[in-house]
Amino acid sequence: MHLHTYRDENRSRHFDLIGGRRHPWSIDLVVAIASGILLMGFACAFAALLIR
């Protein structure tokens, strides 16, 4: 897995995580971070529900 950076036609910088040898895949780094934050928020809310 490695980090790939590039600029699009609007000169915006993009960061992608790229991995896989037999079945290549890539994911936008912003999407990966946002998903992690949402998942952590859901886990904390669920834990708070169980504790209460």
N, C-alpha and C. Protein backbone atom coordinates (compact mmCIF):
# COMPACT_ATOMS: atom_id res chain seq x y z
N MET A 1 0.86 -1.16 0.00
CA MET A 1 0.00 0.00 0.00
C MET A 1 0.91 1.23 0.00
N HIS A 2 0.59 2.20 -0.84
CA HIS A 2 1.38 3.42 -0.88
C HIS A 2 0.49 4.62 -1.16
N LEU A 3 1.03 5.80 -0.88
CA LEU A 3 0.31 7.06 -1.06
C LEU A 3 0.66 7.64 -2.43
N HIS A 4 -0.36 8.03 -3.17
CA HIS A 4 -0.18 8.60 -4.51
C HIS A 4 -0.79 9.99 -4.50
N THR A 5 -0.03 10.99 -4.94
CA THR A 5 -0.55 12.36 -5.02
C THR A 5 -0.56 12.80 -6.47
N TYR A 6 -1.53 13.61 -6.81
CA TYR A 6 -1.61 14.16 -8.16
C TYR A 6 -2.47 15.41 -8.15
N ARG A 7 -2.39 16.18 -9.21
CA ARG A 7 -3.23 17.37 -9.39
C ARG A 7 -4.17 17.13 -10.58
N ASP A 8 -5.42 17.56 -10.42
CA ASP A 8 -6.37 17.40 -11.52
C ASP A 8 -6.33 18.62 -12.45
N GLU A 9 -7.27 18.69 -13.36
CA GLU A 9 -7.26 19.78 -14.34
C GLU A 9 -7.54 21.15 -13.72
N ASN A 10 -8.11 21.18 -12.52
CA ASN A 10 -8.35 22.44 -11.80
C ASN A 10 -7.21 22.78 -10.86
N ARG A 11 -6.12 22.05 -10.95
CA ARG A 11 -4.92 22.24 -10.13
C ARG A 11 -5.17 21.95 -8.65
N SER A 12 -6.17 21.11 -8.35
CA SER A 12 -6.44 20.67 -6.98
C SER A 12 -5.61 19.43 -6.69
N ARG A 13 -5.02 19.38 -5.51
CA ARG A 13 -4.19 18.23 -5.14
C ARG A 13 -5.07 17.13 -4.55
N HIS A 14 -4.80 15.90 -4.94
CA HIS A 14 -5.52 14.73 -4.45
C HIS A 14 -4.53 13.74 -3.83
N PHE A 15 -4.97 13.07 -2.78
CA PHE A 15 -4.18 12.03 -2.13
C PHE A 15 -4.96 10.73 -2.19
N ASP A 16 -4.36 9.69 -2.72
CA ASP A 16 -5.00 8.38 -2.82
C ASP A 16 -4.12 7.33 -2.16
N LEU A 17 -4.76 6.38 -1.50
CA LEU A 17 -4.06 5.18 -1.03
C LEU A 17 -4.26 4.11 -2.08
N ILE A 18 -3.17 3.51 -2.53
CA ILE A 18 -3.23 2.51 -3.59
C ILE A 18 -2.59 1.23 -3.09
N GLY A 19 -3.23 0.10 -3.35
CA GLY A 19 -2.68 -1.18 -2.91
C GLY A 19 -3.17 -2.33 -3.76
N GLY A 20 -2.70 -3.50 -3.42
CA GLY A 20 -3.12 -4.71 -4.13
C GLY A 20 -2.21 -5.02 -5.30
N ARG A 21 -1.91 -6.28 -5.46
CA ARG A 21 -1.10 -6.70 -6.60
C ARG A 21 -1.96 -7.44 -7.62
N ARG A 22 -2.67 -8.47 -7.18
CA ARG A 22 -3.55 -9.21 -8.09
C ARG A 22 -4.80 -8.42 -8.43
N HIS A 23 -5.37 -7.78 -7.42
CA HIS A 23 -6.58 -6.99 -7.60
C HIS A 23 -6.30 -5.57 -7.11
N PRO A 24 -5.79 -4.69 -7.98
CA PRO A 24 -5.46 -3.34 -7.54
C PRO A 24 -6.69 -2.56 -7.06
N TRP A 25 -6.49 -1.73 -6.06
CA TRP A 25 -7.56 -0.90 -5.54
C TRP A 25 -6.98 0.46 -5.15
N SER A 26 -7.84 1.45 -5.03
CA SER A 26 -7.42 2.76 -4.55
C SER A 26 -8.60 3.41 -3.83
N ILE A 27 -8.28 4.27 -2.88
CA ILE A 27 -9.31 5.00 -2.14
C ILE A 27 -8.77 6.40 -1.85
N ASP A 28 -9.64 7.38 -1.95
CA ASP A 28 -9.27 8.76 -1.66
C ASP A 28 -9.00 8.88 -0.17
N LEU A 29 -7.91 9.52 0.20
CA LEU A 29 -7.51 9.62 1.60
C LEU A 29 -8.54 10.40 2.43
N VAL A 30 -9.17 11.41 1.84
CA VAL A 30 -10.18 12.19 2.55
C VAL A 30 -11.38 11.30 2.90
N VAL A 31 -11.79 10.45 1.98
CA VAL A 31 -12.91 9.54 2.22
C VAL A 31 -12.55 8.54 3.33
N ALA A 32 -11.32 8.05 3.33
CA ALA A 32 -10.89 7.10 4.35
C ALA A 32 -10.90 7.74 5.74
N ILE A 33 -10.42 8.97 5.84
CA ILE A 33 -10.39 9.67 7.14
C ILE A 33 -11.80 9.99 7.61
N ALA A 34 -12.66 10.47 6.71
CA ALA A 34 -14.04 10.79 7.08
C ALA A 34 -14.79 9.54 7.53
N SER A 35 -14.57 8.42 6.87
CA SER A 35 -15.21 7.17 7.27
C SER A 35 -14.73 6.73 8.64
N GLY A 36 -13.45 6.88 8.91
CA GLY A 36 -12.91 6.53 10.22
C GLY A 36 -13.50 7.38 11.33
N ILE A 37 -13.64 8.67 11.08
CA ILE A 37 -14.22 9.57 12.08
C ILE A 37 -15.68 9.22 12.33
N LEU A 38 -16.44 8.95 11.28
CA LEU A 38 -17.85 8.57 11.46
C LEU A 38 -17.98 7.25 12.21
N LEU A 39 -17.13 6.30 11.89
CA LEU A 39 -17.16 5.01 12.57
C LEU A 39 -16.81 5.15 14.05
N MET A 40 -15.83 5.99 14.36
CA MET A 40 -15.45 6.23 15.76
C MET A 40 -16.59 6.92 16.51
N GLY A 41 -17.26 7.86 15.87
CA GLY A 41 -18.40 8.53 16.50
C GLY A 41 -19.54 7.56 16.78
N PHE A 42 -19.81 6.67 15.83
CA PHE A 42 -20.85 5.67 16.03
C PHE A 42 -20.49 4.74 17.19
N ALA A 43 -19.23 4.32 17.26
CA ALA A 43 -18.79 3.44 18.34
C ALA A 43 -18.91 4.12 19.70
N CYS A 44 -18.55 5.39 19.77
CA CYS A 44 -18.67 6.13 21.04
C CYS A 44 -20.13 6.31 21.44
N ALA A 45 -21.00 6.61 20.48
CA ALA A 45 -22.41 6.76 20.79
C ALA A 45 -23.01 5.44 21.25
N PHE A 46 -22.62 4.35 20.62
CA PHE A 46 -23.12 3.03 21.03
C PHE A 46 -22.62 2.66 22.41
N ALA A 47 -21.36 2.97 22.72
CA ALA A 47 -20.81 2.69 24.05
C ALA A 47 -21.54 3.53 25.10
N ALA A 48 -21.82 4.80 24.79
CA ALA A 48 -22.54 5.65 25.72
C ALA A 48 -23.94 5.13 25.96
N LEU A 49 -24.57 4.60 24.93
CA LEU A 49 -25.91 4.02 25.07
C LEU A 49 -25.88 2.80 25.97
N LEU A 50 -24.86 1.96 25.82
CA LEU A 50 -24.75 0.76 26.65
C LEU A 50 -24.43 1.11 28.11
N ILE A 51 -23.60 2.10 28.33
CA ILE A 51 -23.22 2.49 29.69
C ILE A 51 -24.39 3.13 30.41
N ARG A 52 -25.16 3.91 29.72
CA ARG A 52 -26.31 4.58 30.33
C ARG A 52 -27.36 3.57 30.61
